[in-house]
C-alpha atoms as a PDB file:
ATOM      1  CA  MET A   1       8.826 104.635 227.932  1.00  0.00           C
ATOM      2  CA  SER A   2       5.120 104.815 227.130  1.00  0.00           C
ATOM      3  CA  ARG A   3       2.983 107.762 228.224  1.00  0.00           C
ATOM      4  CA  SER A   4      -0.397 107.900 229.890  1.00  0.00           C
ATOM      5  CA  ALA A   5      -3.472 109.136 228.038  1.00  0.00           C
ATOM      6  CA  ASP A   6      -3.340 112.366 230.065  1.00  0.00           C
ATOM      7  CA  GLN A   7       0.261 113.006 229.029  1.00  0.00           C
ATOM      8  CA  VAL A   8      -0.495 112.393 225.360  1.00  0.00           C
ATOM      9  CA  HIS A   9      -3.622 114.539 225.582  1.00  0.00           C
ATOM     10  CA  ALA A  10      -1.661 117.428 227.068  1.00  0.00           C
ATOM     11  CA  GLU A  11       0.938 117.226 224.294  1.00  0.00           C
ATOM     12  CA  VAL A  12      -1.699 117.098 221.545  1.00  0.00           C
ATOM     13  CA  LEU A  13      -3.372 120.175 222.983  1.00  0.00           C
ATOM     14  CA  SER A  14      -0.058 122.007 223.218  1.00  0.00           C
ATOM     15  CA  LEU A  15       0.471 121.460 219.491  1.00  0.00           C
ATOM     16  CA  LEU A  16      -2.793 123.080 218.419  1.00  0.00           C
ATOM     17  CA  PRO A  17      -2.493 126.130 216.149  1.00  0.00           C
ATOM     18  CA  ARG A  18      -2.749 129.537 217.744  1.00  0.00           C
ATOM     19  CA  GLY A  19      -5.277 132.121 216.741  1.00  0.00           C
ATOM     20  CA  ALA A  20      -8.677 133.579 217.461  1.00  0.00           C
ATOM     21  CA  ALA A  21     -10.394 130.637 215.746  1.00  0.00           C
ATOM     22  CA  TRP A  22      -8.877 128.161 218.238  1.00  0.00           C
ATOM     23  CA  PRO A  23     -10.057 128.270 221.883  1.00  0.00           C
ATOM     24  CA  ALA A  24      -6.473 127.942 223.030  1.00  0.00           C
ATOM     25  CA  GLY A  25      -7.107 129.025 226.577  1.00  0.00           C
ATOM     26  CA  ASP A  26      -9.592 126.214 227.078  1.00  0.00           C
ATOM     27  CA  ALA A  27      -7.953 123.566 224.929  1.00  0.00           C
ATOM     28  CA  ARG A  28      -4.326 123.851 225.933  1.00  0.00           C
ATOM     29  CA  ALA A  29      -2.816 122.082 228.915  1.00  0.00           C
ATOM     30  CA  SER A  30      -2.433 123.341 232.465  1.00  0.00           C
ATOM     31  CA  GLY A  31      -4.121 126.704 232.351  1.00  0.00           C
ATOM     32  CA  GLY A  32      -2.217 128.140 229.394  1.00  0.00           C
ATOM     33  CA  THR A  33      -3.177 131.627 228.141  1.00  0.00           C
ATOM     34  CA  GLY A  34      -5.032 131.683 224.840  1.00  0.00           C
ATOM     35  CA  ALA A  35      -4.866 134.184 222.009  1.00  0.00           C
ATOM     36  CA  ALA A  36      -7.774 136.104 223.509  1.00  0.00           C
ATOM     37  CA  GLY A  37      -6.184 136.123 226.939  1.00  0.00           C
ATOM     38  CA  SER A  38      -8.550 133.561 228.473  1.00  0.00           C
ATOM     39  CA  THR A  39      -7.246 130.746 230.676  1.00  0.00           C
ATOM     40  CA  GLY A  40      -8.587 127.314 231.609  1.00  0.00           C
ATOM     41  CA  ALA A  41      -7.680 123.703 232.398  1.00  0.00           C
ATOM     42  CA  ALA A  42      -6.976 121.135 229.691  1.00  0.00           C
ATOM     43  CA  GLY A  43     -10.021 119.275 228.517  1.00  0.00           C
ATOM     44  CA  SER A  44     -12.532 122.078 229.212  1.00  0.00           C
ATOM     45  CA  SER A  45     -13.332 122.780 225.536  1.00  0.00           C
ATOM     46  CA  LEU A  46     -15.239 120.825 222.918  1.00  0.00           C
ATOM     47  CA  LEU A  47     -12.042 120.511 220.878  1.00  0.00           C
ATOM     48  CA  ALA A  48     -10.227 118.985 223.858  1.00  0.00           C
ATOM     49  CA  ALA A  49     -13.044 116.474 224.288  1.00  0.00           C
ATOM     50  CA  VAL A  50     -12.830 115.547 220.592  1.00  0.00           C
ATOM     51  CA  LEU A  51      -9.074 114.980 220.864  1.00  0.00           C
ATOM     52  CA  ARG A  52      -9.345 112.866 224.021  1.00  0.00           C
ATOM     53  CA  PRO A  53     -10.117 109.551 222.228  1.00  0.00           C
ATOM     54  CA  LEU A  54      -7.195 110.199 219.868  1.00  0.00           C
ATOM     55  CA  ALA A  55      -4.871 110.634 222.844  1.00  0.00           C
ATOM     56  CA  GLU A  56      -6.155 107.436 224.449  1.00  0.00           C
ATOM     57  CA  GLY A  57      -5.542 105.511 221.217  1.00  0.00           C
ATOM     58  CA  ILE A  58      -1.982 106.830 220.948  1.00  0.00           C
ATOM     59  CA  ALA A  59      -1.331 105.879 224.592  1.00  0.00           C
ATOM     60  CA  GLU A  60      -2.597 102.337 223.938  1.00  0.00           C
ATOM     61  CA  VAL A  61      -0.304 101.984 220.914  1.00  0.00           C
ATOM     62  CA  GLU A  62       2.698 103.197 222.909  1.00  0.00           C
ATOM     63  CA  ALA A  63       1.912 100.796 225.784  1.00  0.00           C
ATOM     64  CA  ALA A  64       1.577  97.874 223.346  1.00  0.00           C
ATOM     65  CA  ALA A  65       4.880  98.797 221.677  1.00  0.00           C
ATOM     66  CA  GLU A  66       6.635  98.969 225.055  1.00  0.00           C
ATOM     67  CA  ALA A  67       5.187  95.594 226.061  1.00  0.00           C
ATOM     68  CA  MET A  68       6.523  94.064 222.841  1.00  0.00           C
ATOM     69  CA  MET A  69      10.075  94.892 223.916  1.00  0.00           C
ATOM     70  CA  ALA A  70       9.846  92.142 226.549  1.00  0.00           C
ATOM     71  CA  GLU A  71       8.613  89.692 223.905  1.00  0.00           C
ATOM     72  CA  VAL A  72      12.021  89.798 222.183  1.00  0.00           C
ATOM     73  CA  ASP A  73      13.416  87.555 224.936  1.00  0.00           C
ATOM     74  CA  PRO A  74      11.912  84.031 224.709  1.00  0.00           C
ATOM     75  CA  ARG A  75      12.175  83.755 228.505  1.00  0.00           C
ATOM     76  CA  ARG A  76       9.565  86.528 228.872  1.00  0.00           C
ATOM     77  CA  ALA A  77       7.594  86.049 225.669  1.00  0.00           C
ATOM     78  CA  THR A  78       3.890  85.280 225.774  1.00  0.00           C
ATOM     79  CA  VAL A  79       2.231  86.712 222.668  1.00  0.00           C
ATOM     80  CA  MET A  80       5.298  86.109 220.481  1.00  0.00           C
ATOM     81  CA  LEU A  81       6.240  82.711 221.927  1.00  0.00           C
ATOM     82  CA  PRO A  82       4.329  80.704 219.255  1.00  0.00           C
ATOM     83  CA  ASP A  83       6.142  82.696 216.555  1.00  0.00           C
ATOM     84  CA  VAL A  84       9.526  81.986 218.166  1.00  0.00           C
ATOM     85  CA  GLU A  85       8.685  78.272 218.287  1.00  0.00           C
ATOM     86  CA  ARG A  86       7.548  78.369 214.661  1.00  0.00           C
ATOM     87  CA  LEU A  87      10.800  79.991 213.524  1.00  0.00           C
ATOM     88  CA  LEU A  88      12.863  77.466 215.491  1.00  0.00           C
ATOM     89  CA  GLY A  89      11.001  74.613 213.816  1.00  0.00           C
ATOM     90  CA  PRO A  90       9.945  71.264 215.294  1.00  0.00           C
ATOM     91  CA  ASP A  91      11.922  70.329 218.368  1.00  0.00           C
ATOM     92  CA  PRO A  92      14.337  67.440 217.578  1.00  0.00           C
ATOM     93  CA  CYS A  93      13.461  65.837 220.918  1.00  0.00           C
ATOM     94  CA  GLY A  94       9.731  66.009 220.277  1.00  0.00           C
ATOM     95  CA  ARG A  95       9.005  68.322 223.185  1.00  0.00           C
ATOM     96  CA  ASN A  96       6.628  70.404 221.049  1.00  0.00           C
ATOM     97  CA  THR A  97       4.115  67.563 221.201  1.00  0.00           C
ATOM     98  CA  THR A  98       4.191  67.066 224.970  1.00  0.00           C
ATOM     99  CA  ALA A  99       2.316  70.314 225.715  1.00  0.00           C
ATOM    100  CA  PRO A 100       4.665  71.539 228.495  1.00  0.00           C
ATOM    101  CA  SER A 101       3.831  74.476 230.740  1.00  0.00           C
ATOM    102  CA  LEU A 102       4.374  78.062 229.622  1.00  0.00           C
ATOM    103  CA  ASP A 103       7.555  78.391 231.722  1.00  0.00           C
ATOM    104  CA  GLU A 104       8.928  75.143 230.307  1.00  0.00           C
ATOM    105  CA  ARG A 105       8.153  76.251 226.740  1.00  0.00           C
ATOM    106  CA  ARG A 106       9.999  79.505 227.421  1.00  0.00           C
ATOM    107  CA  ARG A 107      13.065  77.683 228.780  1.00  0.00           C
ATOM    108  CA  ILE A 108      13.156  75.285 225.825  1.00  0.00           C
ATOM    109  CA  ALA A 109      12.761  78.112 223.288  1.00  0.00           C
ATOM    110  CA  HIS A 110      15.469  80.198 224.985  1.00  0.00           C
ATOM    111  CA  ALA A 111      17.894  77.260 225.122  1.00  0.00           C
ATOM    112  CA  ARG A 112      17.378  76.500 221.428  1.00  0.00           C
ATOM    113  CA  TYR A 113      17.474  80.175 220.429  1.00  0.00           C
ATOM    114  CA  THR A 114      20.782  80.848 222.197  1.00  0.00           C
ATOM    115  CA  ALA A 115      22.492  77.512 221.459  1.00  0.00           C
ATOM    116  CA  ARG A 116      25.896  78.003 219.865  1.00  0.00           C
ATOM    117  CA  GLY A 117      27.377  74.536 220.264  1.00  0.00           C
ATOM    118  CA  GLY A 118      30.233  73.231 222.336  1.00  0.00           C
ATOM    119  CA  ALA A 119      31.872  70.107 223.689  1.00  0.00           C
ATOM    120  CA  SER A 120      33.194  71.113 227.104  1.00  0.00           C
ATOM    121  CA  ARG A 121      31.891  70.243 230.549  1.00  0.00           C
ATOM    122  CA  SER A 122      30.964  73.878 231.156  1.00  0.00           C
ATOM    123  CA  TYR A 123      28.930  73.953 227.940  1.00  0.00           C
ATOM    124  CA  PHE A 124      26.755  71.001 228.968  1.00  0.00           C
ATOM    125  CA  LEU A 125      26.357  72.430 232.476  1.00  0.00           C
ATOM    126  CA  GLY A 126      25.200  75.668 230.844  1.00  0.00           C
ATOM    127  CA  VAL A 127      22.672  73.789 228.697  1.00  0.00           C
ATOM    128  CA  ALA A 128      21.140  72.305 231.840  1.00  0.00           C
ATOM    129  CA  THR A 129      21.245  75.636 233.693  1.00  0.00           C
ATOM    130  CA  LYS A 130      19.228  77.324 230.952  1.00  0.00           C
ATOM    131  CA  ARG A 131      16.619  74.632 231.424  1.00  0.00           C
ATOM    132  CA  GLY A 132      16.590  75.189 235.176  1.00  0.00           C
ATOM    133  CA  THR A 133      17.900  71.692 235.962  1.00  0.00           C
ATOM    134  CA  PRO A 134      21.109  71.316 238.018  1.00  0.00           C
ATOM    135  CA  ILE A 135      23.323  68.444 236.859  1.00  0.00           C
ATOM    136  CA  SER A 136      26.797  67.120 237.539  1.00  0.00           C
ATOM    137  CA  ILE A 137      29.156  65.516 235.033  1.00  0.00           C
ATOM    138  CA  THR A 138      31.798  62.910 235.768  1.00  0.00           C
ATOM    139  CA  SER A 139      34.328  61.806 233.203  1.00  0.00           C
ATOM    140  CA  LEU A 140      37.007  59.112 233.433  1.00  0.00           C
ATOM    141  CA  ILE A 141      40.676  59.057 232.515  1.00  0.00           C
ATOM    142  CA  ALA A 142      42.158  55.880 231.105  1.00  0.00           C
ATOM    143  CA  SER A 143      44.462  54.110 233.553  1.00  0.00           C
ATOM    144  CA  GLN A 144      48.154  54.387 232.824  1.00  0.00           C
ATOM    145  CA  ALA A 145      51.044  52.415 234.248  1.00  0.00           C
ATOM    146  CA  GLY A 146      53.038  54.424 236.740  1.00  0.00           C
ATOM    147  CA  LEU A 147      50.086  56.685 237.583  1.00  0.00           C
ATOM    148  CA  LEU A 148      47.954  54.155 239.459  1.00  0.00           C
ATOM    149  CA  ALA A 149      47.909  53.726 243.216  1.00  0.00           C
ATOM    150  CA  ALA A 150      46.712  50.788 245.275  1.00  0.00           C
ATOM    151  CA  GLY A 151      42.922  50.612 245.249  1.00  0.00           C
ATOM    152  CA  ASP A 152      42.449  52.796 242.157  1.00  0.00           C
ATOM    153  CA  GLU A 153      39.776  51.636 239.737  1.00  0.00           C
ATOM    154  CA  LEU A 154      41.019  50.367 236.410  1.00  0.00           C
ATOM    155  CA  VAL A 155      39.639  52.418 233.539  1.00  0.00           C
ATOM    156  CA  GLY A 156      39.953  51.040 230.032  1.00  0.00           C
ATOM    157  CA  ILE A 157      40.684  53.194 226.997  1.00  0.00           C
ATOM    158  CA  GLY A 158      37.116  52.877 225.774  1.00  0.00           C
ATOM    159  CA  GLU A 159      35.716  54.162 229.047  1.00  0.00           C
ATOM    160  CA  ALA A 160      37.658  57.384 228.649  1.00  0.00           C
ATOM    161  CA  PHE A 161      35.117  58.378 226.001  1.00  0.00           C
ATOM    162  CA  VAL A 162      32.150  57.875 228.326  1.00  0.00           C
ATOM    163  CA  PHE A 163      30.899  60.601 230.652  1.00  0.00           C
ATOM    164  CA  SER A 164      28.256  60.252 233.338  1.00  0.00           C
ATOM    165  CA  VAL A 165      25.521  62.840 233.828  1.00  0.00           C
ATOM    166  CA  THR A 166      23.704  62.924 237.173  1.00  0.00           C
ATOM    167  CA  LEU A 167      20.266  64.533 237.151  1.00  0.00           C
ATOM    168  CA  PRO A 168      17.654  65.150 239.857  1.00  0.00           C
ATOM    169  CA  LEU A 169      15.173  62.310 240.136  1.00  0.00           C
ATOM    170  CA  GLY A 170      12.344  64.737 239.464  1.00  0.00           C
ATOM    171  CA  SER A 171       8.809  63.421 239.240  1.00  0.00           C
ATOM    172  CA  TRP A 172       8.618  59.961 240.804  1.00  0.00           C
ATOM    173  CA  LYS A 173       6.235  57.927 242.897  1.00  0.00           C
ATOM    174  CA  VAL A 174       6.453  54.761 244.960  1.00  0.00           C
ATOM    175  CA  ALA A 175       3.224  52.796 245.318  1.00  0.00           C
ATOM    176  CA  GLU A 176       1.926  52.079 248.805  1.00  0.00           C
ATOM    177  CA  ALA A 177       0.096  49.048 250.111  1.00  0.00           C
ATOM    178  CA  GLY A 178      -3.661  49.433 249.893  1.00  0.00           C
ATOM    179  CA  GLU A 179      -3.457  51.849 246.936  1.00  0.00           C
ATOM    180  CA  LEU A 180      -2.476  49.336 244.253  1.00  0.00           C
ATOM    181  CA  ALA A 181      -4.759  47.709 241.734  1.00  0.00           C
ATOM    182  CA  ALA A 182      -4.057  44.857 239.361  1.00  0.00           C
ATOM    183  CA  GLY A 183      -1.593  45.970 236.693  1.00  0.00           C
ATOM    184  CA  ASP A 184      -0.372  49.084 238.536  1.00  0.00           C
ATOM    185  CA  LEU A 185       3.357  49.810 238.567  1.00  0.00           C
ATOM    186  CA  ILE A 186       5.003  49.746 241.979  1.00  0.00           C
ATOM    187  CA  TYR A 187       7.427  52.491 241.002  1.00  0.00           C
ATOM    188  CA  THR A 188       7.245  55.170 238.296  1.00  0.00           C
ATOM    189  CA  PHE A 189       9.297  58.180 237.311  1.00  0.00           C
ATOM    190  CA  GLU A 190       9.597  60.393 234.243  1.00  0.00           C
ATOM    191  CA  PRO A 191      13.058  60.635 232.616  1.00  0.00           C
ATOM    192  CA  SER A 192      14.330  64.130 231.860  1.00  0.00           C
ATOM    193  CA  ASP A 193      14.243  65.321 228.267  1.00  0.00           C
ATOM    194  CA  LEU A 194      17.814  66.508 228.868  1.00  0.00           C
ATOM    195  CA  GLU A 195      18.809  62.941 227.999  1.00  0.00           C
ATOM    196  CA  CYS A 196      17.763  63.593 224.410  1.00  0.00           C
ATOM    197  CA  GLU A 197      19.217  67.096 224.318  1.00  0.00           C
ATOM    198  CA  ILE A 198      22.634  66.157 225.703  1.00  0.00           C
ATOM    199  CA  GLY A 199      22.635  62.985 223.645  1.00  0.00           C
ATOM    200  CA  ARG A 200      22.204  65.040 220.490  1.00  0.00           C
ATOM    201  CA  LEU A 201      24.828  67.619 221.429  1.00  0.00           C
ATOM    202  CA  ARG A 202      27.568  65.293 222.666  1.00  0.00           C
ATOM    203  CA  PRO A 203      30.648  64.804 220.457  1.00  0.00           C
ATOM    204  CA  ALA A 204      30.191  61.868 218.101  1.00  0.00           C
ATOM    205  CA  HIS A 205      33.105  59.906 219.591  1.00  0.00           C
ATOM    206  CA  THR A 206      31.666  60.034 223.126  1.00  0.00           C
ATOM    207  CA  GLU A 207      28.842  58.321 224.947  1.00  0.00           C
ATOM    208  CA  ALA A 208      26.665  59.825 227.693  1.00  0.00           C
ATOM    209  CA  VAL A 209      25.351  57.735 230.576  1.00  0.00           C
ATOM    210  CA  PHE A 210      22.560  59.189 232.712  1.00  0.00           C
ATOM    211  CA  THR A 211      21.999  58.618 236.422  1.00  0.00           C
ATOM    212  CA  TYR A 212      19.169  59.968 238.577  1.00  0.00           C
ATOM    213  CA  ALA A 213      19.606  60.908 242.224  1.00  0.00           C
ATOM    214  CA  ASP A 214      17.021  61.941 244.792  1.00  0.00           C
ATOM    215  CA  THR A 215      18.320  65.383 245.691  1.00  0.00           C
ATOM    216  CA  SER A 216      15.640  65.823 248.373  1.00  0.00           C
ATOM    217  CA  THR A 217      17.557  63.445 250.628  1.00  0.00           C
END
């Protein structure tokens, strides 16, 4: 825990040598008794005034060192975030070039920094959670004789290697009459970059299909 300039100043004064040549009573902290028996508050001597800038510098260094402890975690990094991104290298999904917000850069850096790999449903749900995006995953089981009931959907063997990922619709806009101009799109939305991330991480024998749902309704 860092100290204030006053705390550092008091400690520096308490470490001064003792003797008649040192105005200890005036320079030491909190009314200490000097070698000559005089007493006084810290900072009342010329020596205390000379040491004050030193104490302020030490306090600034300690505060900066304490602040750097938070920079170790990419989710809280600000000053060190560019260095974390540099060490991670270019993002395989090209998100480094899209200039996302600071919070989004933190989430991406943290997800890449802590990625350990996996192929389970819980792993992919965790990938999305780290990015702050809730998703659901649906997988199919190939139909087998003797296990089907009337009305069950037939699932081929190939479909057993396909899983569906449902994501929030996110940023989207429907054009309204009177606001359109020639060439304008009547409906736009921005796909999630989780498509690229999950697509890269999925097992090679599987295929991911992405669906967007308007969670606001």
